[in-house]
Amino acid sequence: MPVKKYLSAGEVAVSLGISKQTLIKYEQKTIFPKPRRNNLNGWREYTVEELAKLKKIMGRP
């Protein structure tokens, strides 16, 4: 079974061209849906599919 790859908030922010703080603010204001959290460290984790959805919300290809 393949291991699912998750992206960090920093990686997603770079892909979207925004800061990590902006990404988190959009989440807090419910502009973006809340991502899953890593059980070990509590960090936000995004899938490639979620990144595509966030790009669509921002109107980016």
PDB file of N, CA and C in Angstrom:
ATOM      1  N   MET A   1       0.846  -1.182   0.000  1.00  0.00           N
ATOM      2  CA  MET A   1       0.000   0.000   0.000  1.00  0.00           C
ATOM      3  C   MET A   1       0.891   1.244   0.000  1.00  0.00           C
ATOM      4  N   PRO A   2       0.633   2.192  -0.924  1.00  0.00           N
ATOM      5  CA  PRO A   2       1.477   3.389  -0.998  1.00  0.00           C
ATOM      6  C   PRO A   2       1.246   4.308   0.199  1.00  0.00           C
ATOM      7  N   VAL A   3       2.308   4.970   0.594  1.00  0.00           N
ATOM      8  CA  VAL A   3       2.233   5.937   1.686  1.00  0.00           C
ATOM      9  C   VAL A   3       1.715   7.255   1.122  1.00  0.00           C
ATOM     10  N   LYS A   4       0.744   7.851   1.795  1.00  0.00           N
ATOM     11  CA  LYS A   4       0.172   9.107   1.324  1.00  0.00           C
ATOM     12  C   LYS A   4       1.101  10.258   1.679  1.00  0.00           C
ATOM     13  N   LYS A   5       1.376  11.100   0.720  1.00  0.00           N
ATOM     14  CA  LYS A   5       2.272  12.241   0.908  1.00  0.00           C
ATOM     15  C   LYS A   5       1.460  13.451   1.325  1.00  0.00           C
ATOM     16  N   TYR A   6       1.909  14.088   2.372  1.00  0.00           N
ATOM     17  CA  TYR A   6       1.267  15.311   2.837  1.00  0.00           C
ATOM     18  C   TYR A   6       2.226  16.480   2.691  1.00  0.00           C
ATOM     19  N   LEU A   7       1.662  17.647   2.425  1.00  0.00           N
ATOM     20  CA  LEU A   7       2.437  18.873   2.298  1.00  0.00           C
ATOM     21  C   LEU A   7       2.279  19.690   3.575  1.00  0.00           C
ATOM     22  N   SER A   8       3.338  20.352   3.964  1.00  0.00           N
ATOM     23  CA  SER A   8       3.285  21.210   5.149  1.00  0.00           C
ATOM     24  C   SER A   8       2.614  22.536   4.789  1.00  0.00           C
ATOM     25  N   ALA A   9       2.249  23.289   5.810  1.00  0.00           N
ATOM     26  CA  ALA A   9       1.654  24.606   5.586  1.00  0.00           C
ATOM     27  C   ALA A   9       2.623  25.509   4.832  1.00  0.00           C
ATOM     28  N   GLY A  10       3.904  25.417   5.148  1.00  0.00           N
ATOM     29  CA  GLY A  10       4.909  26.218   4.448  1.00  0.00           C
ATOM     30  C   GLY A  10       5.000  25.873   2.973  1.00  0.00           C
ATOM     31  N   GLU A  11       4.958  24.578   2.660  1.00  0.00           N
ATOM     32  CA  GLU A  11       5.015  24.146   1.259  1.00  0.00           C
ATOM     33  C   GLU A  11       3.780  24.612   0.496  1.00  0.00           C
ATOM     34  N   VAL A  12       2.623  24.526   1.128  1.00  0.00           N
ATOM     35  CA  VAL A  12       1.383  24.968   0.486  1.00  0.00           C
ATOM     36  C   VAL A  12       1.409  26.479   0.278  1.00  0.00           C
ATOM     37  N   ALA A  13       1.868  27.211   1.274  1.00  0.00           N
ATOM     38  CA  ALA A  13       1.938  28.672   1.162  1.00  0.00           C
ATOM     39  C   ALA A  13       2.833  29.085  -0.005  1.00  0.00           C
ATOM     40  N   VAL A  14       3.987  28.442  -0.135  1.00  0.00           N
ATOM     41  CA  VAL A  14       4.896  28.750  -1.249  1.00  0.00           C
ATOM     42  C   VAL A  14       4.209  28.442  -2.577  1.00  0.00           C
ATOM     43  N   SER A  15       3.520  27.314  -2.665  1.00  0.00           N
ATOM     44  CA  SER A  15       2.829  26.936  -3.903  1.00  0.00           C
ATOM     45  C   SER A  15       1.735  27.927  -4.271  1.00  0.00           C
ATOM     46  N   LEU A  16       1.112  28.523  -3.250  1.00  0.00           N
ATOM     47  CA  LEU A  16       0.036  29.487  -3.490  1.00  0.00           C
ATOM     48  C   LEU A  16       0.545  30.916  -3.656  1.00  0.00           C
ATOM     49  N   GLY A  17       1.811  31.147  -3.320  1.00  0.00           N
ATOM     50  CA  GLY A  17       2.373  32.491  -3.421  1.00  0.00           C
ATOM     51  C   GLY A  17       1.928  33.407  -2.299  1.00  0.00           C
ATOM     52  N   ILE A  18       1.624  32.819  -1.135  1.00  0.00           N
ATOM     53  CA  ILE A  18       1.222  33.603   0.031  1.00  0.00           C
ATOM     54  C   ILE A  18       2.098  33.196   1.213  1.00  0.00           C
ATOM     55  N   SER A  19       2.026  33.957   2.289  1.00  0.00           N
ATOM     56  CA  SER A  19       2.800  33.594   3.476  1.00  0.00           C
ATOM     57  C   SER A  19       2.063  32.514   4.267  1.00  0.00           C
ATOM     58  N   LYS A  20       2.802  31.839   5.114  1.00  0.00           N
ATOM     59  CA  LYS A  20       2.206  30.821   5.979  1.00  0.00           C
ATOM     60  C   LYS A  20       1.173  31.472   6.907  1.00  0.00           C
ATOM     61  N   GLN A  21       1.471  32.672   7.375  1.00  0.00           N
ATOM     62  CA  GLN A  21       0.543  33.384   8.253  1.00  0.00           C
ATOM     63  C   GLN A  21      -0.773  33.693   7.535  1.00  0.00           C
ATOM     64  N   THR A  22      -0.690  34.067   6.259  1.00  0.00           N
ATOM     65  CA  THR A  22      -1.897  34.335   5.478  1.00  0.00           C
ATOM     66  C   THR A  22      -2.707  33.061   5.304  1.00  0.00           C
ATOM     67  N   LEU A  23      -2.041  31.962   5.032  1.00  0.00           N
ATOM     68  CA  LEU A  23      -2.713  30.669   4.896  1.00  0.00           C
ATOM     69  C   LEU A  23      -3.500  30.345   6.167  1.00  0.00           C
ATOM     70  N   ILE A  24      -2.880  30.539   7.310  1.00  0.00           N
ATOM     71  CA  ILE A  24      -3.526  30.244   8.590  1.00  0.00           C
ATOM     72  C   ILE A  24      -4.680  31.216   8.853  1.00  0.00           C
ATOM     73  N   LYS A  25      -4.512  32.498   8.491  1.00  0.00           N
ATOM     74  CA  LYS A  25      -5.598  33.473   8.667  1.00  0.00           C
ATOM     75  C   LYS A  25      -6.796  33.113   7.797  1.00  0.00           C
ATOM     76  N   TYR A  26      -6.550  32.687   6.557  1.00  0.00           N
ATOM     77  CA  TYR A  26      -7.642  32.270   5.673  1.00  0.00           C
ATOM     78  C   TYR A  26      -8.379  31.081   6.269  1.00  0.00           C
ATOM     79  N   GLU A  27      -7.641  30.179   6.893  1.00  0.00           N
ATOM     80  CA  GLU A  27      -8.257  29.030   7.557  1.00  0.00           C
ATOM     81  C   GLU A  27      -9.121  29.506   8.731  1.00  0.00           C
ATOM     82  N   GLN A  28      -8.601  30.419   9.528  1.00  0.00           N
ATOM     83  CA  GLN A  28      -9.332  30.924  10.697  1.00  0.00           C
ATOM     84  C   GLN A  28     -10.595  31.679  10.293  1.00  0.00           C
ATOM     85  N   LYS A  29     -10.547  32.369   9.149  1.00  0.00           N
ATOM     86  CA  LYS A  29     -11.703  33.125   8.667  1.00  0.00           C
ATOM     87  C   LYS A  29     -12.630  32.261   7.818  1.00  0.00           C
ATOM     88  N   THR A  30     -12.354  30.971   7.753  1.00  0.00           N
ATOM     89  CA  THR A  30     -13.106  29.954   6.996  1.00  0.00           C
ATOM     90  C   THR A  30     -13.138  30.217   5.487  1.00  0.00           C
ATOM     91  N   ILE A  31     -12.160  30.965   4.991  1.00  0.00           N
ATOM     92  CA  ILE A  31     -12.006  31.119   3.546  1.00  0.00           C
ATOM     93  C   ILE A  31     -11.492  29.798   2.987  1.00  0.00           C
ATOM     94  N   PHE A  32     -10.578  29.177   3.709  1.00  0.00           N
ATOM     95  CA  PHE A  32     -10.046  27.857   3.369  1.00  0.00           C
ATOM     96  C   PHE A  32     -10.556  26.847   4.388  1.00  0.00           C
ATOM     97  N   PRO A  33     -10.811  25.610   3.959  1.00  0.00           N
ATOM     98  CA  PRO A  33     -11.195  24.568   4.921  1.00  0.00           C
ATOM     99  C   PRO A  33     -10.016  24.181   5.808  1.00  0.00           C
ATOM    100  N   LYS A  34     -10.322  23.688   7.010  1.00  0.00           N
ATOM    101  CA  LYS A  34      -9.263  23.268   7.932  1.00  0.00           C
ATOM    102  C   LYS A  34      -8.634  21.971   7.441  1.00  0.00           C
ATOM    103  N   PRO A  35      -7.310  21.908   7.431  1.00  0.00           N
ATOM    104  CA  PRO A  35      -6.634  20.675   7.020  1.00  0.00           C
ATOM    105  C   PRO A  35      -6.562  19.687   8.178  1.00  0.00           C
ATOM    106  N   ARG A  36      -6.135  18.476   7.868  1.00  0.00           N
ATOM    107  CA  ARG A  36      -5.918  17.483   8.924  1.00  0.00           C
ATOM    108  C   ARG A  36      -4.696  17.901   9.725  1.00  0.00           C
ATOM    109  N   ARG A  37      -4.582  17.354  10.917  1.00  0.00           N
ATOM    110  CA  ARG A  37      -3.430  17.632  11.781  1.00  0.00           C
ATOM    111  C   ARG A  37      -2.647  16.345  11.994  1.00  0.00           C
ATOM    112  N   ASN A  38      -1.337  16.465  12.040  1.00  0.00           N
ATOM    113  CA  ASN A  38      -0.472  15.329  12.324  1.00  0.00           C
ATOM    114  C   ASN A  38      -0.686  14.910  13.775  1.00  0.00           C
ATOM    115  N   ASN A  39      -0.889  13.613  13.990  1.00  0.00           N
ATOM    116  CA  ASN A  39      -1.154  13.113  15.346  1.00  0.00           C
ATOM    117  C   ASN A  39       0.038  13.265  16.277  1.00  0.00           C
ATOM    118  N   LEU A  40       1.241  13.269  15.735  1.00  0.00           N
ATOM    119  CA  LEU A  40       2.434  13.326  16.574  1.00  0.00           C
ATOM    120  C   LEU A  40       2.815  14.743  16.989  1.00  0.00           C
ATOM    121  N   ASN A  41       2.734  15.687  16.036  1.00  0.00           N
ATOM    122  CA  ASN A  41       3.207  17.039  16.345  1.00  0.00           C
ATOM    123  C   ASN A  41       2.142  18.131  16.194  1.00  0.00           C
ATOM    124  N   GLY A  42       0.957  17.785  15.711  1.00  0.00           N
ATOM    125  CA  GLY A  42      -0.126  18.760  15.583  1.00  0.00           C
ATOM    126  C   GLY A  42      -0.019  19.696  14.392  1.00  0.00           C
ATOM    127  N   TRP A  43       0.973  19.482  13.528  1.00  0.00           N
ATOM    128  CA  TRP A  43       1.159  20.362  12.372  1.00  0.00           C
ATOM    129  C   TRP A  43       0.063  20.121  11.340  1.00  0.00           C
ATOM    130  N   ARG A  44      -0.254  21.177  10.595  1.00  0.00           N
ATOM    131  CA  ARG A  44      -1.221  21.062   9.509  1.00  0.00           C
ATOM    132  C   ARG A  44      -0.613  20.231   8.382  1.00  0.00           C
ATOM    133  N   GLU A  45      -1.442  19.386   7.774  1.00  0.00           N
ATOM    134  CA  GLU A  45      -0.998  18.568   6.649  1.00  0.00           C
ATOM    135  C   GLU A  45      -2.039  18.654   5.536  1.00  0.00           C
ATOM    136  N   TYR A  46      -1.561  18.911   4.332  1.00  0.00           N
ATOM    137  CA  TYR A  46      -2.426  19.064   3.169  1.00  0.00           C
ATOM    138  C   TYR A  46      -2.093  17.994   2.140  1.00  0.00           C
ATOM    139  N   THR A  47      -3.112  17.498   1.461  1.00  0.00           N
ATOM    140  CA  THR A  47      -2.883  16.569   0.355  1.00  0.00           C
ATOM    141  C   THR A  47      -2.723  17.388  -0.928  1.00  0.00           C
ATOM    142  N   VAL A  48      -2.265  16.735  -1.968  1.00  0.00           N
ATOM    143  CA  VAL A  48      -2.137  17.387  -3.274  1.00  0.00           C
ATOM    144  C   VAL A  48      -3.520  17.819  -3.762  1.00  0.00           C
ATOM    145  N   GLU A  49      -4.526  17.007  -3.483  1.00  0.00           N
ATOM    146  CA  GLU A  49      -5.892  17.341  -3.885  1.00  0.00           C
ATOM    147  C   GLU A  49      -6.382  18.598  -3.161  1.00  0.00           C
ATOM    148  N   GLU A  50      -6.053  18.715  -1.877  1.00  0.00           N
ATOM    149  CA  GLU A  50      -6.439  19.911  -1.123  1.00  0.00           C
ATOM    150  C   GLU A  50      -5.729  21.145  -1.662  1.00  0.00           C
ATOM    151  N   LEU A  51      -4.472  20.995  -2.040  1.00  0.00           N
ATOM    152  CA  LEU A  51      -3.738  22.112  -2.635  1.00  0.00           C
ATOM    153  C   LEU A  51      -4.433  22.572  -3.908  1.00  0.00           C
ATOM    154  N   ALA A  52      -4.873  21.632  -4.729  1.00  0.00           N
ATOM    155  CA  ALA A  52      -5.583  21.986  -5.964  1.00  0.00           C
ATOM    156  C   ALA A  52      -6.869  22.751  -5.649  1.00  0.00           C
ATOM    157  N   LYS A  53      -7.590  22.338  -4.608  1.00  0.00           N
ATOM    158  CA  LYS A  53      -8.817  23.039  -4.208  1.00  0.00           C
ATOM    159  C   LYS A  53      -8.509  24.458  -3.735  1.00  0.00           C
ATOM    160  N   LEU A  54      -7.432  24.613  -2.967  1.00  0.00           N
ATOM    161  CA  LEU A  54      -7.055  25.940  -2.480  1.00  0.00           C
ATOM    162  C   LEU A  54      -6.677  26.847  -3.647  1.00  0.00           C
ATOM    163  N   LYS A  55      -5.972  26.294  -4.634  1.00  0.00           N
ATOM    164  CA  LYS A  55      -5.626  27.081  -5.826  1.00  0.00           C
ATOM    165  C   LYS A  55      -6.885  27.526  -6.552  1.00  0.00           C
ATOM    166  N   LYS A  56      -7.869  26.632  -6.626  1.00  0.00           N
ATOM    167  CA  LYS A  56      -9.126  26.971  -7.299  1.00  0.00           C
ATOM    168  C   LYS A  56      -9.856  28.087  -6.543  1.00  0.00           C
ATOM    169  N   ILE A  57      -9.873  27.999  -5.206  1.00  0.00           N
ATOM    170  CA  ILE A  57     -10.509  29.041  -4.388  1.00  0.00           C
ATOM    171  C   ILE A  57      -9.848  30.392  -4.651  1.00  0.00           C
ATOM    172  N   MET A  58      -8.524  30.383  -4.818  1.00  0.00           N
ATOM    173  CA  MET A  58      -7.784  31.625  -5.057  1.00  0.00           C
ATOM    174  C   MET A  58      -7.819  32.061  -6.519  1.00  0.00           C
ATOM    175  N   GLY A  59      -8.407  31.232  -7.388  1.00  0.00           N
ATOM    176  CA  GLY A  59      -8.478  31.569  -8.801  1.00  0.00           C
ATOM    177  C   GLY A  59      -7.160  31.404  -9.524  1.00  0.00           C
ATOM    178  N   ARG A  60      -6.356  30.436  -9.047  1.00  0.00           N
ATOM    179  CA  ARG A  60      -5.046  30.184  -9.662  1.00  0.00           C
ATOM    180  C   ARG A  60      -5.055  28.834 -10.357  1.00  0.00           C
ATOM    181  N   PRO A  61      -4.324  28.738 -11.474  1.00  0.00           N
ATOM    182  CA  PRO A  61      -4.278  27.452 -12.202  1.00  0.00           C
ATOM    183  C   PRO A  61      -3.459  26.399 -11.488  1.00  0.00           C
TER     184      PRO A  61
END
